[in-house]
């Protein structure tokens, strides 16, 4: 398959490298020092799943690339509108465009700027980051993709992408309810990011504190209520399973939003806890805990020091 990785950071770099190493025709979109490093020395991935080095990579040129079979969009949410414009030349009639952002609004955002029939939904479960220009560090053995057509059909393009990912040794699920998959991850991620950032603490400190545990519970309950109001079929035991998952995490785990807060970097606040508030307002669902977290963190959302 011809696959464009748009956003060659931790997620895109890891999955793109695995696909390229397995023989797929992968094109990487990168910029600045990272793009320079790819041109000069290729892409390196260090991982418990096996290190690899692509000595030569193909960089994306929208003027010459032509339509792709699939595009994995791996930018952050704030860059999604610009990403849509940049990948438009790579989108042909049957191209599968799979956004892999945190949050639940990437599909709708892409459909505002690309043909709706090209956009699928996707969820990435992986911890990876850029260690240096041209170098990706995969932090655990875990790396999984869940994706699917919005109507739940197992289309030829979706099956082809699933097969390519499997050939690359990537754990993958082609789901018939991708909206549910998106919200199930969101229900875990948004409360974790919101509570830890609000209390400036790793998960061990949050769940070990009565106020922190109550906040996790309230944030998760609000996310679930908003998702159901959006028409998503979320299971009855989702809140209990989500809170149990928080208890299973290593005590020193910090969500990326807290790390960004500590480093004075821009936050994904508006796409996580902020989305709960915004979508809740639209659906008439009260979200007082999420609003409290948003109000407290919004002064730092653009990257001000905490």
Protein backbone atom coordinates (compact mmCIF):
# COMPACT_ATOMS: atom_id res chain seq x y z
CA UNK A 1 0.00 0.00 0.00
CA UNK A 2 0.96 3.63 -0.52
CA UNK A 3 0.63 5.17 2.94
CA UNK A 4 1.25 8.77 4.00
CA UNK A 5 2.25 9.38 7.60
CA UNK A 6 1.31 12.98 8.23
CA UNK A 7 3.00 14.04 11.44
CA UNK A 8 6.17 12.02 12.01
CA UNK A 9 6.29 12.28 15.78
CA UNK A 10 6.21 9.46 18.31
CA UNK A 11 3.01 7.86 17.03
CA UNK A 12 3.44 8.46 13.31
CA UNK A 13 7.15 7.73 13.36
CA UNK A 14 6.68 4.40 15.13
CA UNK A 15 3.80 3.05 13.04
CA UNK A 16 5.22 4.44 9.80
CA UNK A 17 8.61 2.87 10.42
CA UNK A 18 7.05 -0.54 11.13
CA UNK A 19 4.99 -0.33 7.94
CA UNK A 20 7.99 0.72 5.84
CA UNK A 21 10.20 -2.00 7.31
CA UNK A 22 7.53 -4.55 6.32
CA UNK A 23 7.67 -3.44 2.70
CA UNK A 24 4.82 -0.95 2.40
CA UNK A 25 5.43 2.19 0.34
CA UNK A 26 5.44 4.77 3.12
CA UNK A 27 5.83 8.53 2.69
CA UNK A 28 6.58 10.66 5.75
CA UNK A 29 5.56 14.28 6.29
CA UNK A 30 7.98 16.09 8.56
CA UNK A 31 9.49 19.54 8.92
CA UNK A 32 12.43 21.43 10.36
CA UNK A 33 15.28 19.58 12.04
CA UNK A 34 13.37 16.31 12.01
CA UNK A 35 12.95 16.46 8.22
CA UNK A 36 16.63 17.33 7.83
CA UNK A 37 17.60 14.32 9.94
CA UNK A 38 15.39 12.01 7.87
CA UNK A 39 17.07 13.20 4.68
CA UNK A 40 20.57 12.84 6.09
CA UNK A 41 20.42 9.62 8.13
CA UNK A 42 16.95 8.14 7.88
CA UNK A 43 14.60 7.17 10.69
CA UNK A 44 15.56 5.20 13.79
CA UNK A 45 13.18 3.55 16.24
CA UNK A 46 14.25 2.16 19.60
CA UNK A 47 11.68 -0.23 21.01
CA UNK A 48 11.25 -3.30 23.19
CA UNK A 49 9.44 -4.72 20.17
CA UNK A 50 12.71 -4.50 18.23
CA UNK A 51 14.87 -1.61 17.09
CA UNK A 52 14.96 -0.64 13.46
CA UNK A 53 16.67 1.83 11.15
CA UNK A 54 15.27 3.02 7.83
CA UNK A 55 18.40 4.30 6.14
CA UNK A 56 16.36 6.00 3.42
CA UNK A 57 12.90 7.49 3.72
CA UNK A 58 10.64 9.27 1.28
CA UNK A 59 9.46 12.70 2.37
CA UNK A 60 6.06 14.03 1.39
CA UNK A 61 5.89 16.56 -1.42
CA UNK A 62 2.24 17.48 -2.07
CA UNK A 63 3.13 18.68 -5.57
CA UNK A 64 4.34 15.25 -6.69
CA UNK A 65 3.08 12.61 -4.25
CA UNK A 66 -0.26 11.84 -5.91
CA UNK A 67 -3.16 9.98 -4.28
CA UNK A 68 -2.37 7.58 -1.44
CA UNK A 69 -4.18 4.40 -0.47
CA UNK A 70 -4.22 5.54 3.17
CA UNK A 71 -3.22 8.55 5.23
CA UNK A 72 -2.53 8.25 8.96
CA UNK A 73 -2.95 11.75 10.41
CA UNK A 74 -0.79 11.93 13.54
CA UNK A 75 -0.58 15.64 14.33
CA UNK A 76 -2.06 17.16 17.47
CA UNK A 77 -5.62 18.43 17.31
CA UNK A 78 -4.62 22.07 17.12
CA UNK A 79 -2.78 21.40 13.84
CA UNK A 80 -5.57 19.39 12.24
CA UNK A 81 -7.05 22.09 10.03
CA UNK A 82 -3.64 22.85 8.53
CA UNK A 83 -3.02 19.12 8.15
CA UNK A 84 -6.23 18.70 6.18
CA UNK A 85 -5.14 21.35 3.69
CA UNK A 86 -1.69 19.81 3.36
CA UNK A 87 -2.91 16.27 2.69
CA UNK A 88 -5.66 17.22 0.24
CA UNK A 89 -3.46 16.48 -2.82
CA UNK A 90 -2.88 12.96 -1.45
CA UNK A 91 -6.59 12.18 -1.12
CA UNK A 92 -8.08 10.31 -4.04
CA UNK A 93 -11.59 8.85 -4.36
CA UNK A 94 -10.76 5.71 -2.35
CA UNK A 95 -8.12 7.07 0.03
CA UNK A 96 -8.69 6.09 3.66
CA UNK A 97 -7.86 9.05 5.92
CA UNK A 98 -7.46 7.86 9.52
CA UNK A 99 -6.98 10.50 12.23
CA UNK A 100 -5.18 9.28 15.37
CA UNK A 101 -5.49 12.33 17.66
CA UNK A 102 -6.45 12.33 21.30
CA UNK A 103 -10.05 13.44 21.68
CA UNK A 104 -13.32 12.76 19.88
CA UNK A 105 -13.61 15.66 17.42
CA UNK A 106 -10.95 14.88 14.81
CA UNK A 107 -13.33 13.08 12.44
CA UNK A 108 -15.75 16.02 12.33
CA UNK A 109 -12.91 18.51 11.91
CA UNK A 110 -11.41 16.61 8.98
CA UNK A 111 -14.81 16.20 7.34
CA UNK A 112 -15.14 19.98 7.28
CA UNK A 113 -12.11 20.20 5.00
CA UNK A 114 -11.97 16.87 3.14
CA UNK A 115 -14.58 14.72 1.38
CA UNK A 116 -16.57 13.11 4.18
CA UNK A 117 -16.48 9.68 2.54
CA UNK A 118 -12.69 9.59 2.83
CA UNK A 119 -12.57 9.99 6.61
CA UNK A 120 -12.51 7.00 8.95
CA UNK A 121 -12.07 6.97 12.72
CA UNK A 122 -9.02 5.72 14.58
CA UNK A 123 -7.54 5.28 18.03
CA UNK A 124 -3.86 4.73 18.90
CA UNK A 125 -2.74 3.08 22.11
CA UNK A 126 0.99 3.71 22.35
CA UNK A 127 3.56 5.61 24.39
CA UNK A 128 6.30 6.94 22.14
CA UNK A 129 8.13 10.22 21.72
CA UNK A 130 10.76 12.00 19.66
CA UNK A 131 14.08 11.43 21.42
CA UNK A 132 16.10 13.45 18.91
CA UNK A 133 15.66 14.56 15.31
CA UNK A 134 15.12 11.41 13.29
CA UNK A 135 14.89 9.21 16.41
CA UNK A 136 11.74 7.73 17.98
CA UNK A 137 11.69 6.08 21.39
CA UNK A 138 8.89 3.57 22.00
CA UNK A 139 8.42 3.56 25.77
CA UNK A 140 6.62 0.23 26.34
CA UNK A 141 5.94 -3.02 24.52
CA UNK A 142 2.38 -1.88 23.89
CA UNK A 143 1.41 -0.50 20.45
CA UNK A 144 -2.11 -0.95 19.14
CA UNK A 145 -4.38 0.63 16.55
CA UNK A 146 -8.17 0.46 16.43
CA UNK A 147 -9.87 1.96 13.38
CA UNK A 148 -12.90 1.59 11.18
CA UNK A 149 -15.34 3.08 8.72
CA UNK A 150 -17.89 5.39 10.31
CA UNK A 151 -20.76 3.23 9.03
CA UNK A 152 -19.16 0.07 10.41
CA UNK A 153 -18.62 -1.59 7.04
CA UNK A 154 -15.55 -3.76 6.40
CA UNK A 155 -14.70 -2.03 3.12
CA UNK A 156 -11.88 -3.18 0.83
CA UNK A 157 -9.76 -0.15 1.76
CA UNK A 158 -10.22 -0.79 5.48
CA UNK A 159 -9.38 -4.48 5.07
CA UNK A 160 -6.30 -3.61 3.01
CA UNK A 161 -5.04 -1.23 5.70
CA UNK A 162 -5.71 -3.76 8.45
CA UNK A 163 -3.77 -6.40 6.51
CA UNK A 164 -0.84 -4.02 5.96
CA UNK A 165 -0.70 -3.22 9.67
CA UNK A 166 -0.80 -6.91 10.54
CA UNK A 167 2.03 -7.65 8.10
CA UNK A 168 4.04 -4.99 9.94
CA UNK A 169 3.54 -6.82 13.23
CA UNK A 170 1.26 -4.12 14.64
CA UNK A 171 -1.61 -5.16 16.87
CA UNK A 172 -4.70 -3.87 15.06
CA UNK A 173 -8.47 -4.11 15.30
CA UNK A 174 -10.88 -3.22 12.51
CA UNK A 175 -13.97 -2.26 14.47
CA UNK A 176 -17.58 -1.95 13.36
CA UNK A 177 -18.22 0.79 15.96
CA UNK A 178 -15.35 3.23 15.80
CA UNK A 179 -17.27 6.02 17.56
CA UNK A 180 -17.57 3.78 20.60
CA UNK A 181 -13.83 3.03 20.41
CA UNK A 182 -13.05 6.76 20.27
CA UNK A 183 -15.22 7.53 23.28
CA UNK A 184 -13.97 4.60 25.34
CA UNK A 185 -10.43 5.95 25.03
CA UNK A 186 -11.64 9.50 25.66
CA UNK A 187 -13.43 8.45 28.86
CA UNK A 188 -10.10 7.15 30.19
CA UNK A 189 -7.79 9.85 28.82
CA UNK A 190 -9.67 13.09 29.49
CA UNK A 191 -10.32 12.44 33.22
CA UNK A 192 -6.77 11.21 33.77
CA UNK A 193 -5.26 14.24 32.05
CA UNK A 194 -7.66 16.64 33.71
CA UNK A 195 -7.34 15.34 37.27
CA UNK A 196 -3.55 14.94 37.25
CA UNK A 197 -3.03 18.37 35.70
CA UNK A 198 -5.51 20.06 38.02
CA UNK A 199 -3.87 18.57 41.11
CA UNK A 200 -0.31 18.75 39.67
CA UNK A 201 0.25 15.11 40.60
CA UNK A 202 0.98 11.72 39.08
CA UNK A 203 -1.81 9.15 39.14
CA UNK A 204 -0.57 7.65 42.39
CA UNK A 205 -1.01 10.95 44.18
CA UNK A 206 -4.41 11.58 42.62
CA UNK A 207 -5.99 8.23 43.39
CA UNK A 208 -4.44 8.15 46.88
CA UNK A 209 -6.18 11.40 47.81
CA UNK A 210 -9.90 11.46 48.62
CA UNK A 211 -10.47 14.66 46.62
CA UNK A 212 -8.44 13.30 43.70
CA UNK A 213 -10.35 10.02 43.56
CA UNK A 214 -13.66 11.87 43.73
CA UNK A 215 -12.51 14.15 40.90
CA UNK A 216 -11.54 11.17 38.72
CA UNK A 217 -14.96 9.64 39.36
CA UNK A 218 -16.83 12.86 38.54
CA UNK A 219 -14.82 13.57 35.37
CA UNK A 220 -15.34 10.03 34.07
CA UNK A 221 -19.07 10.14 34.83
CA UNK A 222 -19.42 13.44 32.96
CA UNK A 223 -17.54 12.12 29.91
CA UNK A 224 -19.79 9.06 29.77
CA UNK A 225 -22.95 11.15 30.10
CA UNK A 226 -21.83 13.43 27.27
CA UNK A 227 -20.89 10.49 25.04
CA UNK A 228 -24.29 8.87 25.54
CA UNK A 229 -25.97 12.19 24.78
CA UNK A 230 -24.02 12.15 21.51
CA UNK A 231 -25.70 8.84 20.70
CA UNK A 232 -22.67 6.64 21.41
CA UNK A 233 -23.47 3.15 22.72
CA UNK A 234 -21.21 3.07 25.78
CA UNK A 235 -21.38 -0.02 28.02
CA UNK A 236 -23.02 0.12 31.43
CA UNK A 237 -19.83 -0.92 33.23
CA UNK A 238 -17.56 1.59 31.49
CA UNK A 239 -17.16 3.88 34.49
CA UNK A 240 -16.24 1.00 36.81
CA UNK A 241 -13.78 -0.42 34.27
CA UNK A 242 -12.22 2.99 33.71
CA UNK A 243 -11.68 3.63 37.42
CA UNK A 244 -10.27 0.10 37.82
CA UNK A 245 -7.83 0.86 34.99
CA UNK A 246 -6.66 3.97 36.83
CA UNK A 247 -5.94 1.80 39.88
CA UNK A 248 -3.85 -0.56 37.75
CA UNK A 249 -1.54 2.14 36.42
CA UNK A 250 1.92 2.51 37.90
CA UNK A 251 1.84 5.18 40.59
CA UNK A 252 4.37 7.42 38.86
CA UNK A 253 2.47 7.61 35.56
CA UNK A 254 1.89 11.17 34.36
CA UNK A 255 -0.38 11.94 31.41
CA UNK A 256 1.15 13.96 28.60
CA UNK A 257 -0.96 17.02 29.45
CA UNK A 258 0.61 17.19 32.92
CA UNK A 259 4.08 16.81 31.40
CA UNK A 260 3.31 19.65 28.99
CA UNK A 261 2.04 21.75 31.89
CA UNK A 262 5.23 21.16 33.87
CA UNK A 263 7.35 22.10 30.84
CA UNK A 264 5.39 25.23 29.98
CA UNK A 265 4.23 23.77 26.67
CA UNK A 266 0.78 24.23 25.08
CA UNK A 267 -1.89 21.91 26.47
CA UNK A 268 -4.49 19.76 24.74
CA UNK A 269 -6.98 21.09 27.29
CA UNK A 270 -9.61 22.25 24.81
CA UNK A 271 -9.65 18.88 23.07
CA UNK A 272 -9.85 16.81 26.27
CA UNK A 273 -11.59 18.25 29.33
CA UNK A 274 -12.62 21.26 27.28
CA UNK A 275 -14.38 19.01 24.79
CA UNK A 276 -16.40 17.46 27.60
CA UNK A 277 -17.60 20.93 28.59
CA UNK A 278 -18.23 22.10 25.03
CA UNK A 279 -20.06 18.97 23.86
CA UNK A 280 -21.93 18.81 27.16
CA UNK A 281 -23.23 22.34 26.66
CA UNK A 282 -24.40 21.47 23.15
CA UNK A 283 -26.23 18.40 24.44
CA UNK A 284 -27.63 19.98 27.59
CA UNK A 285 -25.51 17.79 29.90
CA UNK A 286 -24.12 19.46 33.05
CA UNK A 287 -20.34 19.11 33.46
CA UNK A 288 -19.41 21.04 36.63
CA UNK A 289 -16.26 19.07 37.48
CA UNK A 290 -14.91 19.36 33.93
CA UNK A 291 -15.70 23.07 33.88
CA UNK A 292 -13.85 23.59 37.19
CA UNK A 293 -10.76 21.83 35.79
CA UNK A 294 -10.92 23.82 32.55
CA UNK A 295 -11.27 27.14 34.31
CA UNK A 296 -8.26 26.38 36.50
CA UNK A 297 -6.02 25.21 33.65
CA UNK A 298 -7.04 27.58 30.88
CA UNK A 299 -4.47 30.27 31.89
CA UNK A 300 -1.77 27.71 31.05
CA UNK A 301 -3.35 26.33 27.87
CA UNK A 302 -1.12 28.25 25.47
CA UNK A 303 2.08 27.31 27.22
CA UNK A 304 2.45 29.69 30.16
CA UNK A 305 4.53 28.37 33.03
CA UNK A 306 2.51 26.69 35.76
